[in-house]
Amino acid sequence: MGRSQETFSKKEKEKLRLKKQKEKEEKKEERKANAVRGQSLDDMLAYVDENGNITSTPPDPTKRKAIRTEDIQIGVSKQEDINPQDAIRTGIVSFFNESKGYGFIKDLQTQESIFVHLTGLTEPIKENNKVTFEIEMTPKGASAIGVKKTA
């Protein structure tokens, strides 16, 4: 007589597979029974309130705000144009690395730190030198050009 080819572990695996399949069918039937079909469009809509939260109630028309398209800023905010009379400024070199060719100038009027590169110099400068310069707007911000030492 030949022995059965099914071992204990094969029988257990088959039982688990059938059990999972049965559970899956039960879940499927339960979903079908609880499914709500034919909802109206109003029941399916979601709204965004004035604070940006998603809600099921439509927004209050009295709280509506009018926004002009010119006020919407996408990307970098616009910077103010520099007046021609303010073009030449004075400042003190707060840091300058000669080997790397860049540094910073502290503007005496606005007290802001302005980047300066070796290409923007008309003569060599060092730290704590008093200088005059013009400001050029670059994609990364303000940069000093035409930098000259003052007495």
Protein backbone atom coordinates (compact mmCIF):
# COMPACT_ATOMS: atom_id res chain seq x y z
CA MET A 1 0.00 0.00 0.00
CA GLY A 2 1.21 3.45 -0.84
CA ARG A 3 1.33 6.27 1.64
CA SER A 4 -0.57 9.47 1.16
CA GLN A 5 1.55 12.27 -0.33
CA GLU A 6 -0.01 14.86 1.94
CA THR A 7 2.03 15.66 5.03
CA PHE A 8 0.79 17.35 8.19
CA SER A 9 2.22 20.76 7.17
CA LYS A 10 0.63 20.55 3.71
CA LYS A 11 -2.76 19.83 5.31
CA GLU A 12 -2.32 22.78 7.71
CA LYS A 13 -1.34 25.15 4.90
CA GLU A 14 -4.37 24.06 2.88
CA LYS A 15 -6.64 24.64 5.89
CA LEU A 16 -5.16 28.16 6.38
CA ARG A 17 -5.61 28.96 2.70
CA LEU A 18 -9.24 27.88 2.74
CA LYS A 19 -9.85 29.81 5.97
CA LYS A 20 -8.39 33.03 4.49
CA GLN A 21 -10.43 32.56 1.33
CA LYS A 22 -13.61 32.11 3.37
CA GLU A 23 -12.85 35.24 5.47
CA LYS A 24 -12.24 37.23 2.30
CA GLU A 25 -15.60 36.15 0.88
CA GLU A 26 -17.35 37.10 4.14
CA LYS A 27 -15.78 40.56 4.11
CA LYS A 28 -16.82 41.00 0.49
CA GLU A 29 -20.42 40.08 1.29
CA GLU A 30 -20.44 42.42 4.29
CA ARG A 31 -19.21 45.34 2.15
CA LYS A 32 -21.92 44.63 -0.42
CA ALA A 33 -24.59 44.56 2.29
CA ASN A 34 -23.45 47.82 3.91
CA ALA A 35 -22.76 49.72 0.69
CA VAL A 36 -24.91 52.80 0.21
CA ARG A 37 -25.64 53.21 -3.46
CA GLY A 38 -27.25 56.10 -5.22
CA GLN A 39 -26.11 58.92 -2.93
CA SER A 40 -26.99 62.34 -4.17
CA LEU A 41 -24.31 64.73 -5.39
CA ASP A 42 -24.81 66.97 -2.34
CA ASP A 43 -24.02 64.06 -0.01
CA MET A 44 -20.73 63.37 -1.81
CA LEU A 45 -19.44 66.96 -1.99
CA ALA A 46 -16.81 68.34 0.38
CA TYR A 47 -16.20 72.05 0.99
CA VAL A 48 -13.27 74.11 2.21
CA ASP A 49 -14.05 76.67 4.93
CA GLU A 50 -12.42 80.10 5.39
CA ASN A 51 -9.61 78.52 7.45
CA GLY A 52 -8.74 75.94 4.79
CA ASN A 53 -10.33 72.97 6.60
CA ILE A 54 -12.42 70.39 4.72
CA THR A 55 -16.05 70.28 5.86
CA SER A 56 -19.36 68.82 4.71
CA THR A 57 -21.30 72.09 5.08
CA PRO A 58 -21.18 74.72 2.34
CA PRO A 59 -19.33 77.97 3.17
CA ASP A 60 -21.19 80.99 4.53
CA PRO A 61 -21.51 83.56 1.70
CA THR A 62 -21.33 86.45 4.21
CA LYS A 63 -17.78 85.47 5.18
CA ARG A 64 -16.60 85.55 1.58
CA LYS A 65 -13.49 87.67 0.93
CA ALA A 66 -12.65 89.33 -2.36
CA ILE A 67 -9.02 88.80 -3.41
CA ARG A 68 -7.46 90.65 -6.31
CA THR A 69 -5.24 88.65 -8.61
CA GLU A 70 -2.52 91.33 -8.34
CA ASP A 71 -2.20 90.61 -4.61
CA ILE A 72 -1.36 86.94 -5.12
CA GLN A 73 2.39 86.33 -4.98
CA ILE A 74 3.87 83.22 -6.47
CA GLY A 75 7.55 82.60 -5.78
CA VAL A 76 9.88 85.33 -4.56
CA SER A 77 8.22 88.49 -3.29
CA LYS A 78 8.85 91.71 -5.17
CA GLN A 79 11.57 93.91 -3.74
CA GLU A 80 11.44 97.66 -3.68
CA ASP A 81 13.34 99.53 -6.36
CA ILE A 82 16.35 101.49 -5.17
CA ASN A 83 16.17 105.26 -5.65
CA PRO A 84 18.97 106.76 -7.80
CA GLN A 85 19.98 109.17 -5.01
CA ASP A 86 20.49 106.19 -2.68
CA ALA A 87 22.59 104.35 -5.25
CA ILE A 88 26.00 105.18 -3.67
CA ARG A 89 26.20 103.98 -0.10
CA THR A 90 28.85 103.88 2.58
CA GLY A 91 29.73 101.00 4.84
CA ILE A 92 32.43 99.13 6.73
CA VAL A 93 33.90 95.80 5.60
CA SER A 94 32.87 93.38 8.36
CA PHE A 95 34.45 90.28 6.76
CA PHE A 96 36.57 89.62 3.69
CA ASN A 97 38.34 86.39 2.73
CA GLU A 98 41.04 87.22 0.18
CA SER A 99 41.79 83.59 -0.70
CA LYS A 100 38.15 82.84 -1.55
CA GLY A 101 37.43 86.31 -2.97
CA TYR A 102 34.26 87.27 -1.11
CA GLY A 103 33.10 89.05 2.01
CA PHE A 104 30.42 91.22 3.59
CA ILE A 105 29.96 94.96 4.01
CA LYS A 106 27.83 96.40 6.82
CA ASP A 107 25.78 99.27 5.40
CA LEU A 108 25.99 102.33 7.69
CA GLN A 109 22.46 103.56 6.79
CA THR A 110 20.42 100.36 7.07
CA GLN A 111 22.81 98.26 9.21
CA GLU A 112 22.25 95.30 6.87
CA SER A 113 25.03 92.98 5.75
CA ILE A 114 25.62 93.05 1.99
CA PHE A 115 27.55 90.43 0.05
CA VAL A 116 30.60 91.56 -1.93
CA HIS A 117 32.61 89.52 -4.43
CA LEU A 118 36.11 90.08 -5.72
CA THR A 119 34.70 90.98 -9.15
CA GLY A 120 32.77 93.91 -7.58
CA LEU A 121 35.95 95.56 -6.23
CA THR A 122 37.76 98.45 -7.93
CA GLU A 123 40.69 98.23 -5.49
CA PRO A 124 41.79 95.72 -2.82
CA ILE A 125 40.01 95.94 0.54
CA LYS A 126 40.49 94.46 4.01
CA GLU A 127 38.36 94.06 7.12
CA ASN A 128 37.32 97.29 8.92
CA ASN A 129 37.98 99.44 5.82
CA LYS A 130 35.43 102.20 5.24
CA VAL A 131 34.10 101.86 1.68
CA THR A 132 31.58 103.32 -0.76
CA PHE A 133 29.62 101.00 -3.01
CA GLU A 134 26.52 100.52 -5.14
CA ILE A 135 23.95 97.78 -4.69
CA GLU A 136 22.98 95.38 -7.45
CA MET A 137 20.07 92.96 -6.99
CA THR A 138 20.96 89.38 -7.92
CA PRO A 139 18.76 86.27 -7.78
CA LYS A 140 20.25 85.47 -4.36
CA GLY A 141 19.80 88.99 -2.96
CA ALA A 142 21.71 92.28 -2.73
CA SER A 143 25.33 92.36 -3.87
CA ALA A 144 27.81 95.25 -3.65
CA ILE A 145 29.52 96.46 -6.84
CA GLY A 146 31.93 99.29 -7.58
CA VAL A 147 33.45 99.04 -4.07
CA LYS A 148 36.06 101.76 -3.32
CA LYS A 149 37.96 102.60 -0.15
CA THR A 150 37.32 106.00 1.42
CA ALA A 151 39.73 108.03 3.52
